[in-house]
């Protein structure tokens, strides 16, 4: 399958204009999409982009519509959907409009407070995950909070237009989707993204596989004719929406059930991780392409949700550091043989295994030139992994690692 680029896709959407899905319903495309509903009382926005993207989003909006923003729904508390509350309030005040009301699930408050506590940590991991340049702020949580929160569902009327929001766990525990029955339109947030759902993100807290599938099925039950996703092009047509959402749901349920079956059979984490994967027909589906998330990430997510960290081997209950083990092995075998083995594995195309031997060599007592050369080798191996990796998250991890290794090798600033 052709490797897709989330960055390229997002950039191409940034260059587009406001998209009219059906009368009174719009999508403002971006790295994360913003949904829009026109009402007699003003505009209802579903999600707001990151602070740097707000001018572009509002610019697209004002090309077509002049009404003030009345209400904002946050489908969840991630930075590309919720962090520009302060900016939106400032925009309303600047234009002499009332401050928009903001609606979110109750857990968004807990998420934002956690982000404020761990802002430096999230800045660090987000810089890696999204390949954010050092001169751009990576994580600035909003000062403001939502005005109205709820637990399971909320219904309201804005300017004679009914809106219903429903809580679902999926990418987050604070997710919601919005249903506008008059327009037969759903605003799905990150329950619908481009490609494989982002369950089991290597950097982030627990995400929910089975619940994600259930949320997609709940959306399908409304029989929507328009769907504004969190990250992907607008979807119009009842059957097209149904096919896409049920294809994703089926894949999530399949991975979930395969992991559960093996847990019940007494298998441990590592064996399950290496054994469970999508079926061949699922792997060939464009709907399930590993553009951002990845099936192996999903398996990690299911295991993290249902199992502990013990891997079944008592030797690993209180193990020494991995690099200390490598150092002992290197002292036994000899660092030259280990480096030669790493190079041989690289030539054989066994890149992942070669990386383990490169780490083993780096744990040994190398002279300065040998150490630089081994960092260079590891950087080359990580570059190969990144070049062949379709998942945006995994690719950025490999490429960030490559850059760090090349710095240690003295080859790049």
Protein backbone atom coordinates (compact mmCIF):
# COMPACT_ATOMS: atom_id res chain seq x y z
CA UNK A 1 0.00 0.00 0.00
CA UNK A 2 1.29 3.48 -0.88
CA UNK A 3 2.60 5.36 2.12
CA UNK A 4 0.47 8.43 2.82
CA UNK A 5 1.62 11.62 4.46
CA UNK A 6 -0.61 13.14 7.09
CA UNK A 7 1.35 16.38 6.89
CA UNK A 8 0.88 16.65 3.12
CA UNK A 9 -2.81 15.82 3.42
CA UNK A 10 -3.32 18.39 6.17
CA UNK A 11 -1.45 21.04 4.20
CA UNK A 12 -3.54 20.43 1.10
CA UNK A 13 -6.69 20.92 3.18
CA UNK A 14 -5.29 24.12 4.68
CA UNK A 15 -5.20 25.57 1.14
CA UNK A 16 -8.89 24.84 0.56
CA UNK A 17 -11.88 26.95 1.52
CA UNK A 18 -14.98 26.47 3.64
CA UNK A 19 -16.91 23.41 2.42
CA UNK A 20 -20.71 23.48 2.34
CA UNK A 21 -21.96 19.96 3.11
CA UNK A 22 -25.67 20.74 3.10
CA UNK A 23 -27.61 23.98 3.63
CA UNK A 24 -26.46 25.49 6.92
CA UNK A 25 -23.76 22.87 7.58
CA UNK A 26 -20.09 23.49 6.78
CA UNK A 27 -16.65 22.04 7.32
CA UNK A 28 -13.61 24.27 7.75
CA UNK A 29 -10.69 22.05 6.71
CA UNK A 30 -7.36 22.06 8.51
CA UNK A 31 -4.91 19.79 10.29
CA UNK A 32 -7.97 19.20 12.47
CA UNK A 33 -11.32 20.07 10.95
CA UNK A 34 -13.81 22.53 12.44
CA UNK A 35 -17.50 21.85 11.94
CA UNK A 36 -20.02 24.66 11.63
CA UNK A 37 -23.80 24.92 11.90
CA UNK A 38 -25.69 28.08 11.02
CA UNK A 39 -28.56 28.99 13.36
CA UNK A 40 -30.80 32.02 13.80
CA UNK A 41 -28.92 32.88 17.01
CA UNK A 42 -25.46 32.66 15.47
CA UNK A 43 -22.87 30.07 14.50
CA UNK A 44 -22.20 26.82 16.30
CA UNK A 45 -18.62 25.55 15.96
CA UNK A 46 -17.67 21.97 16.63
CA UNK A 47 -13.98 22.04 17.60
CA UNK A 48 -11.48 24.85 17.22
CA UNK A 49 -7.95 24.44 15.86
CA UNK A 50 -4.63 25.17 17.53
CA UNK A 51 -3.87 28.82 18.34
CA UNK A 52 -1.66 29.32 15.28
CA UNK A 53 -4.43 28.04 13.00
CA UNK A 54 -7.27 30.21 14.37
CA UNK A 55 -6.63 33.21 12.04
CA UNK A 56 -6.76 30.92 9.01
CA UNK A 57 -9.88 29.17 10.26
CA UNK A 58 -11.68 32.44 11.01
CA UNK A 59 -10.50 33.85 7.70
CA UNK A 60 -12.12 30.96 5.82
CA UNK A 61 -15.26 31.31 7.92
CA UNK A 62 -15.60 35.05 7.30
CA UNK A 63 -15.27 34.60 3.55
CA UNK A 64 -18.80 33.18 3.60
CA UNK A 65 -20.46 34.00 6.93
CA UNK A 66 -20.64 37.12 9.11
CA UNK A 67 -22.74 35.95 12.08
CA UNK A 68 -21.05 35.80 15.50
CA UNK A 69 -19.99 32.51 17.08
CA UNK A 70 -22.71 31.59 19.58
CA UNK A 71 -21.67 28.15 20.84
CA UNK A 72 -18.59 25.94 20.69
CA UNK A 73 -18.61 22.17 21.22
CA UNK A 74 -15.29 20.53 22.06
CA UNK A 75 -15.32 16.92 20.86
CA UNK A 76 -12.38 16.26 23.23
CA UNK A 77 -9.57 18.06 24.98
CA UNK A 78 -6.65 17.57 22.59
CA UNK A 79 -4.57 20.58 21.56
CA UNK A 80 -5.76 20.60 17.93
CA UNK A 81 -9.42 20.64 18.99
CA UNK A 82 -9.63 22.64 22.21
CA UNK A 83 -6.57 24.72 23.01
CA UNK A 84 -7.57 28.03 21.39
CA UNK A 85 -10.45 28.89 23.72
CA UNK A 86 -8.60 31.97 24.95
CA UNK A 87 -8.09 33.14 21.36
CA UNK A 88 -11.75 32.59 20.45
CA UNK A 89 -12.91 34.61 23.46
CA UNK A 90 -10.50 37.41 22.56
CA UNK A 91 -11.79 37.36 18.96
CA UNK A 92 -15.39 37.75 20.15
CA UNK A 93 -14.49 40.65 22.49
CA UNK A 94 -12.47 42.39 19.77
CA UNK A 95 -15.48 42.32 17.44
CA UNK A 96 -17.97 43.41 20.11
CA UNK A 97 -19.72 40.04 20.24
CA UNK A 98 -20.82 38.12 23.35
CA UNK A 99 -18.44 35.43 24.55
CA UNK A 100 -19.42 32.04 23.01
CA UNK A 101 -20.71 29.35 25.33
CA UNK A 102 -18.48 26.25 25.40
CA UNK A 103 -19.80 22.72 25.88
CA UNK A 104 -17.68 19.64 26.57
CA UNK A 105 -17.70 16.34 28.40
CA UNK A 106 -16.94 16.56 32.11
CA UNK A 107 -13.60 14.77 31.71
CA UNK A 108 -12.26 17.61 29.54
CA UNK A 109 -11.79 19.60 32.76
CA UNK A 110 -9.67 16.80 34.25
CA UNK A 111 -7.67 16.55 31.02
CA UNK A 112 -6.92 20.27 30.84
CA UNK A 113 -5.84 20.32 34.49
CA UNK A 114 -3.53 17.36 33.85
CA UNK A 115 -2.10 19.09 30.80
CA UNK A 116 -1.41 22.22 32.84
CA UNK A 117 0.41 20.10 35.42
CA UNK A 118 2.46 18.22 32.77
CA UNK A 119 2.83 20.92 30.14
CA UNK A 120 6.62 20.55 29.77
CA UNK A 121 6.36 16.76 29.39
CA UNK A 122 3.63 17.04 26.78
CA UNK A 123 5.59 19.70 24.97
CA UNK A 124 8.52 17.30 24.74
CA UNK A 125 6.58 14.28 23.50
CA UNK A 126 4.40 16.31 21.13
CA UNK A 127 7.49 17.84 19.56
CA UNK A 128 8.58 14.30 18.67
CA UNK A 129 5.15 12.98 17.69
CA UNK A 130 4.31 15.87 15.35
CA UNK A 131 7.87 16.79 14.25
CA UNK A 132 7.42 20.34 15.58
CA UNK A 133 10.44 22.62 14.99
CA UNK A 134 12.23 23.91 18.07
CA UNK A 135 11.28 27.54 17.37
CA UNK A 136 7.52 26.80 17.51
CA UNK A 137 5.73 26.30 20.87
CA UNK A 138 4.63 22.68 21.09
CA UNK A 139 2.14 22.73 23.95
CA UNK A 140 0.35 25.68 25.55
CA UNK A 141 -2.86 24.63 27.34
CA UNK A 142 -5.65 27.22 27.46
CA UNK A 143 -6.27 29.29 30.57
CA UNK A 144 -10.03 29.08 30.09
CA UNK A 145 -12.32 26.09 30.71
CA UNK A 146 -15.63 25.03 29.11
CA UNK A 147 -18.77 26.64 30.56
CA UNK A 148 -21.06 23.60 30.45
CA UNK A 149 -20.08 19.97 30.96
CA UNK A 150 -22.10 16.75 30.97
CA UNK A 151 -21.73 13.02 31.57
CA UNK A 152 -23.63 10.94 28.98
CA UNK A 153 -25.54 13.28 26.68
CA UNK A 154 -26.84 16.80 26.34
CA UNK A 155 -29.51 18.34 24.10
CA UNK A 156 -30.08 22.00 23.42
CA UNK A 157 -31.67 24.34 20.94
CA UNK A 158 -29.67 27.21 19.47
CA UNK A 159 -31.72 29.60 17.35
CA UNK A 160 -34.41 26.95 16.71
CA UNK A 161 -31.82 24.33 15.67
CA UNK A 162 -31.68 21.18 17.79
CA UNK A 163 -28.25 19.81 18.67
CA UNK A 164 -27.55 16.61 20.57
CA UNK A 165 -24.14 15.61 21.91
CA UNK A 166 -23.28 12.07 23.04
CA UNK A 167 -20.32 10.90 25.09
CA UNK A 168 -18.22 8.03 23.74
CA UNK A 169 -14.82 6.73 24.74
CA UNK A 170 -12.41 6.33 21.86
CA UNK A 171 -9.23 8.26 21.32
CA UNK A 172 -9.95 9.86 24.70
CA UNK A 173 -12.15 9.34 27.74
CA UNK A 174 -13.72 12.79 27.23
CA UNK A 175 -14.93 12.41 23.64
CA UNK A 176 -18.30 13.44 22.25
CA UNK A 177 -20.00 13.57 18.87
CA UNK A 178 -22.73 15.97 17.79
CA UNK A 179 -25.92 15.06 15.94
CA UNK A 180 -28.05 17.67 14.13
CA UNK A 181 -31.22 15.76 13.16
CA UNK A 182 -32.71 18.55 11.03
CA UNK A 183 -29.65 18.35 8.78
CA UNK A 184 -29.00 14.60 9.21
CA UNK A 185 -25.45 15.63 10.00
CA UNK A 186 -22.90 14.23 12.45
CA UNK A 187 -19.76 15.93 13.71
CA UNK A 188 -17.66 12.97 14.78
CA UNK A 189 -14.48 14.50 16.17
CA UNK A 190 -11.63 12.01 16.30
CA UNK A 191 -13.92 9.00 16.32
CA UNK A 192 -13.36 9.34 12.56
CA UNK A 193 -9.86 10.18 11.34
CA UNK A 194 -7.88 9.29 8.24
CA UNK A 195 -6.97 5.60 8.21
CA UNK A 196 -6.52 3.29 11.19
CA UNK A 197 -7.87 4.69 14.49
CA UNK A 198 -5.25 6.12 16.81
CA UNK A 199 -5.57 3.62 19.64
CA UNK A 200 -2.51 2.74 21.73
CA UNK A 201 -0.51 5.88 20.92
CA UNK A 202 3.06 5.15 22.15
CA UNK A 203 3.27 8.51 23.95
CA UNK A 204 -0.18 8.95 25.43
CA UNK A 205 -2.53 7.65 28.11
CA UNK A 206 -5.12 4.88 27.74
CA UNK A 207 -7.34 4.77 24.67
CA UNK A 208 -10.37 2.57 24.08
CA UNK A 209 -10.74 0.03 21.28
CA UNK A 210 -14.09 -1.67 21.90
CA UNK A 211 -15.69 1.58 23.04
CA UNK A 212 -14.44 3.28 19.87
CA UNK A 213 -16.19 0.62 17.79
CA UNK A 214 -19.38 1.07 19.80
CA UNK A 215 -19.26 4.82 19.21
CA UNK A 216 -18.98 4.37 15.46
CA UNK A 217 -21.92 1.97 15.51
CA UNK A 218 -23.98 4.49 17.50
CA UNK A 219 -23.30 7.10 14.82
CA UNK A 220 -24.32 4.68 12.05
CA UNK A 221 -27.61 4.02 13.88
CA UNK A 222 -28.60 7.68 13.32
CA UNK A 223 -28.32 7.09 9.55
CA UNK A 224 -26.49 10.38 8.90
CA UNK A 225 -26.14 11.72 5.38
CA UNK A 226 -23.32 14.12 6.23
CA UNK A 227 -20.31 13.43 8.45
CA UNK A 228 -17.67 15.97 9.42
CA UNK A 229 -14.66 14.00 10.71
CA UNK A 230 -11.91 15.15 13.02
CA UNK A 231 -9.13 14.49 10.50
CA UNK A 232 -10.02 13.60 6.91
CA UNK A 233 -12.13 14.92 4.04
CA UNK A 234 -15.84 15.59 4.42
CA UNK A 235 -18.01 12.48 3.92
CA UNK A 236 -21.40 12.86 2.22
CA UNK A 237 -23.84 10.02 1.52
CA UNK A 238 -25.52 7.61 3.93
CA UNK A 239 -24.10 4.43 2.40
CA UNK A 240 -20.60 5.86 2.11
CA UNK A 241 -20.66 6.86 5.77
CA UNK A 242 -22.07 3.50 6.80
CA UNK A 243 -19.44 1.54 4.86
CA UNK A 244 -16.55 3.51 6.26
CA UNK A 245 -17.63 3.49 9.89
CA UNK A 246 -18.60 -0.18 9.96
CA UNK A 247 -15.34 -1.18 8.24
CA UNK A 248 -13.43 0.57 11.02
CA UNK A 249 -15.68 -0.88 13.71
CA UNK A 250 -15.27 -4.39 12.36
CA UNK A 251 -11.47 -4.08 12.40
CA UNK A 252 -11.40 -2.74 15.95
CA UNK A 253 -13.70 -5.50 17.17
CA UNK A 254 -11.59 -8.10 15.40
CA UNK A 255 -8.34 -6.95 17.04
CA UNK A 256 -10.09 -6.64 20.40
CA UNK A 257 -11.53 -10.15 20.25
CA UNK A 258 -8.26 -11.72 19.08
CA UNK A 259 -6.37 -10.17 22.00
CA UNK A 260 -9.04 -11.15 24.53
CA UNK A 261 -9.08 -14.72 23.19
CA UNK A 262 -5.34 -15.04 23.74
CA UNK A 263 -5.44 -13.46 27.18
CA UNK A 264 -8.04 -16.01 28.17
CA UNK A 265 -5.82 -18.77 26.77
CA UNK A 266 -2.99 -17.74 29.11
CA UNK A 267 -0.77 -16.00 26.57
CA UNK A 268 1.46 -13.12 27.65
CA UNK A 269 1.93 -9.62 26.28
CA UNK A 270 4.89 -10.09 23.93
CA UNK A 271 3.52 -13.23 22.24
CA UNK A 272 0.12 -11.60 21.73
CA UNK A 273 1.70 -8.46 20.32
CA UNK A 274 3.65 -10.41 17.71
CA UNK A 275 0.78 -12.75 16.82
CA UNK A 276 -2.28 -10.49 16.47
CA UNK A 277 -2.73 -8.44 13.31
CA UNK A 278 -5.43 -7.45 10.85
CA UNK A 279 -6.57 -9.96 8.27
CA UNK A 280 -5.16 -9.59 4.76
CA UNK A 281 -8.39 -8.08 3.39
CA UNK A 282 -8.41 -5.52 6.20
CA UNK A 283 -4.75 -4.64 5.53
CA UNK A 284 -5.64 -3.95 1.90
CA UNK A 285 -8.48 -1.57 2.78
CA UNK A 286 -7.75 2.12 2.17
CA UNK A 287 -10.16 2.89 5.00
CA UNK A 288 -7.81 1.12 7.45
CA UNK A 289 -4.50 2.40 6.06
CA UNK A 290 -1.92 2.93 8.86
CA UNK A 291 -1.46 6.60 8.03
CA UNK A 292 -1.46 7.84 11.61
CA UNK A 293 -2.50 5.04 13.93
CA UNK A 294 -1.28 1.49 13.43
CA UNK A 295 -2.78 -2.00 14.09
CA UNK A 296 0.13 -2.85 16.41
CA UNK A 297 -0.58 0.31 18.40
CA UNK A 298 -4.17 -0.91 18.76
CA UNK A 299 -2.98 -4.25 20.12
CA UNK A 300 -0.80 -2.38 22.64
CA UNK A 301 -3.83 -0.30 23.61
CA UNK A 302 -6.03 -3.35 24.23
CA UNK A 303 -3.34 -5.05 26.30
CA UNK A 304 -2.77 -1.90 28.35
CA UNK A 305 -6.50 -1.65 29.01
CA UNK A 306 -6.96 -5.23 30.18
CA UNK A 307 -3.60 -6.45 31.46
CA UNK A 308 -0.76 -5.38 33.73
CA UNK A 309 2.86 -4.80 32.80
CA UNK A 310 4.12 -8.23 33.88
CA UNK A 311 5.25 -10.22 30.83
CA UNK A 312 5.04 -13.73 32.31
CA UNK A 313 8.76 -14.16 32.95
CA UNK A 314 9.73 -13.89 36.65
CA UNK A 315 13.23 -12.80 35.59
CA UNK A 316 11.69 -9.56 34.38
CA UNK A 317 9.79 -8.72 37.55
CA UNK A 318 12.68 -6.67 38.98
CA UNK A 319 15.15 -6.68 36.06
CA UNK A 320 18.40 -4.76 35.72
CA UNK A 321 18.49 -1.94 33.18
CA UNK A 322 18.47 -3.16 29.60
CA UNK A 323 21.70 -1.32 28.78
CA UNK A 324 23.41 -2.96 31.77
CA UNK A 325 22.42 -6.38 30.40
CA UNK A 326 23.77 -5.38 26.99
CA UNK A 327 27.04 -4.30 28.60
CA UNK A 328 27.52 -7.72 30.19
CA UNK A 329 26.77 -9.46 26.89
CA UNK A 330 29.19 -7.17 25.08
CA UNK A 331 31.94 -7.94 27.59
CA UNK A 332 31.38 -11.66 26.97
CA UNK A 333 31.16 -11.62 23.17
CA UNK A 334 33.28 -8.63 22.29
CA UNK A 335 32.12 -5.30 20.91
CA UNK A 336 33.70 -5.85 17.49
CA UNK A 337 31.65 -8.99 16.88
CA UNK A 338 28.50 -7.19 18.01
CA UNK A 339 29.09 -4.27 15.64
CA UNK A 340 29.90 -6.66 12.80
CA UNK A 341 26.67 -8.51 13.52
CA UNK A 342 24.69 -5.27 13.45
CA UNK A 343 26.16 -4.41 10.05
CA UNK A 344 25.46 -7.90 8.72
CA UNK A 345 21.84 -7.71 9.87
CA UNK A 346 21.54 -4.32 8.19
CA UNK A 347 22.78 -5.79 4.90
CA UNK A 348 20.27 -8.65 5.26
CA UNK A 349 17.45 -6.14 5.65
CA UNK A 350 16.77 -7.17 9.26
CA UNK A 351 16.76 -3.58 10.43
CA UNK A 352 14.81 -3.97 13.68
CA UNK A 353 17.17 -6.73 14.86
CA UNK A 354 20.21 -4.72 13.76
CA UNK A 355 19.05 -1.86 15.98
CA UNK A 356 19.17 -4.16 19.00
CA UNK A 357 22.77 -5.06 18.27
CA UNK A 358 23.66 -1.40 17.72
CA UNK A 359 22.28 -0.64 21.19
CA UNK A 360 24.24 -3.54 22.58
CA UNK A 361 27.42 -2.16 21.09
CA UNK A 362 26.71 1.31 22.46
CA UNK A 363 26.44 -0.20 25.95
CA UNK A 364 30.02 -1.46 25.72
CA UNK A 365 33.26 0.44 26.32
CA UNK A 366 33.88 1.98 22.90
CA UNK A 367 36.61 4.47 22.14
CA UNK A 368 35.37 7.90 20.93
CA UNK A 369 35.69 7.10 17.23
CA UNK A 370 33.99 3.70 17.58
CA UNK A 371 31.21 5.30 19.58
CA UNK A 372 30.59 7.94 16.91
CA UNK A 373 30.64 5.30 14.19
CA UNK A 374 28.13 3.16 16.07
CA UNK A 375 25.83 6.15 16.61
CA UNK A 376 26.06 6.76 12.87
CA UNK A 377 25.11 3.14 12.20
CA UNK A 378 22.15 3.36 14.55
CA UNK A 379 21.09 6.62 12.89
CA UNK A 380 21.20 4.97 9.48
CA UNK A 381 19.11 2.07 10.76
CA UNK A 382 16.52 4.41 12.26
CA UNK A 383 16.45 6.31 8.97
CA UNK A 384 15.66 3.08 7.13
CA UNK A 385 12.85 2.31 9.60
CA UNK A 386 11.41 5.80 9.11
CA UNK A 387 11.66 5.65 5.34
CA UNK A 388 9.56 2.49 5.20
CA UNK A 389 7.06 3.34 7.94
CA UNK A 390 3.58 4.50 6.82
CA UNK A 391 2.39 5.59 10.29
CA UNK A 392 2.95 9.32 10.87
CA UNK A 393 3.57 8.78 14.60
CA UNK A 394 6.01 5.89 14.20
CA UNK A 395 7.79 7.63 11.31
CA UNK A 396 8.37 10.74 13.40
CA UNK A 397 9.72 8.66 16.29
CA UNK A 398 12.20 6.94 13.98
CA UNK A 399 13.22 10.16 12.26
CA UNK A 400 13.65 12.02 15.55
CA UNK A 401 15.82 9.15 16.79
CA UNK A 402 17.87 9.26 13.59
CA UNK A 403 18.52 12.97 14.04
CA UNK A 404 19.63 12.50 17.64
CA UNK A 405 21.99 9.67 16.70
CA UNK A 406 23.55 11.68 13.88
CA UNK A 407 24.19 14.55 16.31
CA UNK A 408 25.97 12.11 18.61
CA UNK A 409 27.96 10.89 15.62
CA UNK A 410 29.07 14.48 15.01
CA UNK A 411 27.50 14.58 11.55
CA UNK A 412 24.62 17.04 12.10
CA UNK A 413 23.94 20.08 14.26
